[in-house]
Amino acid sequence: MNPNFRDAESLKKLGCASVEEYVQKVLLAGEIATLSQKISSLSGFDIEMEDLVDEAKN
């Protein structure tokens, strides 16, 4: 199953009032953790301050 987080009918079908509820129902805990890590990485939250300082020095 490929969940469609934008499909109101999918949310309604599972009895979810919000996308957050839908995510909890259609993804496993490990999938949510992996997704969260990837989002953080893409947002630049996985970069250490020391790395940023080194990059700024160069």
N, C-alpha and C. Protein backbone atom coordinates (compact mmCIF):
# COMPACT_ATOMS: atom_id res chain seq x y z
N MET A 1 0.84 -1.18 0.00
CA MET A 1 0.00 0.00 0.00
C MET A 1 0.88 1.24 0.00
N ASN A 2 0.59 2.16 -0.86
CA ASN A 2 1.27 3.45 -0.91
C ASN A 2 0.32 4.51 -0.38
N PRO A 3 0.55 4.96 0.84
CA PRO A 3 -0.37 5.95 1.41
C PRO A 3 -0.32 7.28 0.67
N ASN A 4 -1.50 7.88 0.51
CA ASN A 4 -1.60 9.19 -0.11
C ASN A 4 -2.03 10.17 0.97
N PHE A 5 -1.08 10.92 1.50
CA PHE A 5 -1.33 11.80 2.62
C PHE A 5 -2.19 13.01 2.26
N ARG A 6 -2.41 13.25 1.00
CA ARG A 6 -3.21 14.39 0.56
C ARG A 6 -4.64 14.01 0.17
N ASP A 7 -4.94 12.74 0.24
CA ASP A 7 -6.25 12.26 -0.20
C ASP A 7 -7.23 12.23 0.96
N ALA A 8 -8.17 13.15 0.95
CA ALA A 8 -9.16 13.26 2.03
C ALA A 8 -9.96 11.97 2.16
N GLU A 9 -10.21 11.29 1.07
CA GLU A 9 -10.98 10.05 1.10
C GLU A 9 -10.22 8.96 1.86
N SER A 10 -8.90 8.92 1.72
CA SER A 10 -8.08 7.95 2.45
C SER A 10 -8.15 8.21 3.95
N LEU A 11 -8.08 9.48 4.34
CA LEU A 11 -8.18 9.84 5.75
C LEU A 11 -9.54 9.42 6.30
N LYS A 12 -10.57 9.73 5.55
CA LYS A 12 -11.94 9.41 5.98
C LYS A 12 -12.13 7.90 6.09
N LYS A 13 -11.59 7.17 5.13
CA LYS A 13 -11.72 5.71 5.09
C LYS A 13 -11.15 5.06 6.36
N LEU A 14 -10.06 5.60 6.86
CA LEU A 14 -9.43 5.06 8.07
C LEU A 14 -9.95 5.71 9.34
N GLY A 15 -10.87 6.65 9.20
CA GLY A 15 -11.45 7.32 10.36
C GLY A 15 -10.51 8.30 11.02
N CYS A 16 -9.65 8.92 10.23
CA CYS A 16 -8.68 9.87 10.77
C CYS A 16 -9.19 11.30 10.62
N ALA A 17 -9.01 12.08 11.68
CA ALA A 17 -9.42 13.48 11.65
C ALA A 17 -8.29 14.38 11.16
N SER A 18 -7.06 13.85 11.17
CA SER A 18 -5.91 14.67 10.76
C SER A 18 -4.88 13.81 10.04
N VAL A 19 -3.98 14.49 9.35
CA VAL A 19 -2.89 13.79 8.67
C VAL A 19 -2.00 13.09 9.68
N GLU A 20 -1.82 13.70 10.86
CA GLU A 20 -0.99 13.10 11.90
C GLU A 20 -1.54 11.73 12.31
N GLU A 21 -2.85 11.64 12.49
CA GLU A 21 -3.49 10.36 12.82
C GLU A 21 -3.29 9.35 11.70
N TYR A 22 -3.42 9.82 10.48
CA TYR A 22 -3.26 8.97 9.30
C TYR A 22 -1.85 8.39 9.25
N VAL A 23 -0.85 9.23 9.49
CA VAL A 23 0.54 8.78 9.49
C VAL A 23 0.73 7.68 10.53
N GLN A 24 0.18 7.88 11.72
CA GLN A 24 0.32 6.90 12.79
C GLN A 24 -0.33 5.56 12.43
N LYS A 25 -1.40 5.61 11.64
CA LYS A 25 -2.10 4.38 11.27
C LYS A 25 -1.46 3.64 10.10
N VAL A 26 -0.86 4.37 9.15
CA VAL A 26 -0.39 3.70 7.94
C VAL A 26 1.12 3.42 7.92
N LEU A 27 1.88 4.06 8.81
CA LEU A 27 3.31 3.82 8.84
C LEU A 27 3.70 3.10 10.13
N LEU A 28 4.70 2.25 10.02
CA LEU A 28 5.25 1.59 11.20
C LEU A 28 6.14 2.56 11.95
N ALA A 29 6.37 2.29 13.23
CA ALA A 29 7.20 3.18 14.06
C ALA A 29 8.58 3.39 13.44
N GLY A 30 9.18 2.35 12.92
CA GLY A 30 10.49 2.46 12.29
C GLY A 30 10.46 3.32 11.04
N GLU A 31 9.38 3.25 10.29
CA GLU A 31 9.23 4.07 9.10
C GLU A 31 9.10 5.54 9.47
N ILE A 32 8.37 5.82 10.54
CA ILE A 32 8.21 7.20 11.00
C ILE A 32 9.56 7.75 11.46
N ALA A 33 10.33 6.93 12.19
CA ALA A 33 11.65 7.36 12.66
C ALA A 33 12.59 7.63 11.49
N THR A 34 12.58 6.75 10.50
CA THR A 34 13.43 6.93 9.32
C THR A 34 13.03 8.19 8.56
N LEU A 35 11.75 8.40 8.41
CA LEU A 35 11.24 9.58 7.72
C LEU A 35 11.64 10.85 8.47
N SER A 36 11.52 10.82 9.79
CA SER A 36 11.90 11.98 10.62
C SER A 36 13.39 12.29 10.48
N GLN A 37 14.21 11.25 10.49
CA GLN A 37 15.66 11.44 10.34
C GLN A 37 15.99 12.04 8.98
N LYS A 38 15.33 11.56 7.95
CA LYS A 38 15.60 12.06 6.59
C LYS A 38 15.18 13.53 6.47
N ILE A 39 14.03 13.88 7.04
CA ILE A 39 13.57 15.26 7.00
C ILE A 39 14.54 16.17 7.74
N SER A 40 15.01 15.72 8.91
CA SER A 40 15.99 16.50 9.69
C SER A 40 17.28 16.68 8.91
N SER A 41 17.72 15.61 8.26
CA SER A 41 18.95 15.68 7.47
C SER A 41 18.81 16.66 6.30
N LEU A 42 17.70 16.57 5.59
CA LEU A 42 17.47 17.47 4.46
C LEU A 42 17.33 18.92 4.90
N SER A 43 16.88 19.11 6.14
CA SER A 43 16.72 20.46 6.69
C SER A 43 18.01 21.01 7.28
N GLY A 44 19.05 20.18 7.32
CA GLY A 44 20.34 20.62 7.82
C GLY A 44 20.52 20.50 9.31
N PHE A 45 19.63 19.78 9.98
CA PHE A 45 19.71 19.64 11.43
C PHE A 45 20.68 18.55 11.88
N ASP A 46 21.27 17.83 10.94
CA ASP A 46 22.21 16.78 11.31
C ASP A 46 23.67 17.24 11.23
N ILE A 47 23.88 18.50 10.94
CA ILE A 47 25.23 19.04 10.80
C ILE A 47 25.71 19.53 12.16
N GLU A 48 26.90 19.08 12.54
CA GLU A 48 27.48 19.49 13.82
C GLU A 48 27.99 20.92 13.73
N MET A 49 27.93 21.63 14.83
CA MET A 49 28.39 23.01 14.88
C MET A 49 29.87 23.10 14.49
N GLU A 50 30.65 22.15 14.93
CA GLU A 50 32.09 22.14 14.60
C GLU A 50 32.30 22.08 13.09
N ASP A 51 31.50 21.29 12.39
CA ASP A 51 31.59 21.19 10.94
C ASP A 51 31.25 22.54 10.28
N LEU A 52 30.24 23.22 10.82
CA LEU A 52 29.87 24.52 10.28
C LEU A 52 30.99 25.54 10.48
N VAL A 53 31.64 25.50 11.64
CA VAL A 53 32.74 26.42 11.93
C VAL A 53 33.89 26.14 10.97
N ASP A 54 34.22 24.87 10.78
CA ASP A 54 35.30 24.51 9.85
C ASP A 54 34.99 24.98 8.43
N GLU A 55 33.74 24.80 8.02
CA GLU A 55 33.32 25.21 6.68
C GLU A 55 33.42 26.73 6.54
N ALA A 56 33.04 27.45 7.56
CA ALA A 56 33.09 28.91 7.53
C ALA A 56 34.53 29.41 7.45
N LYS A 57 35.46 28.70 8.09
CA LYS A 57 36.87 29.08 8.08
C LYS A 57 37.47 28.93 6.69
N ASN A 58 36.96 27.97 5.93
CA ASN A 58 37.51 27.72 4.59
C ASN A 58 36.84 28.66 3.65
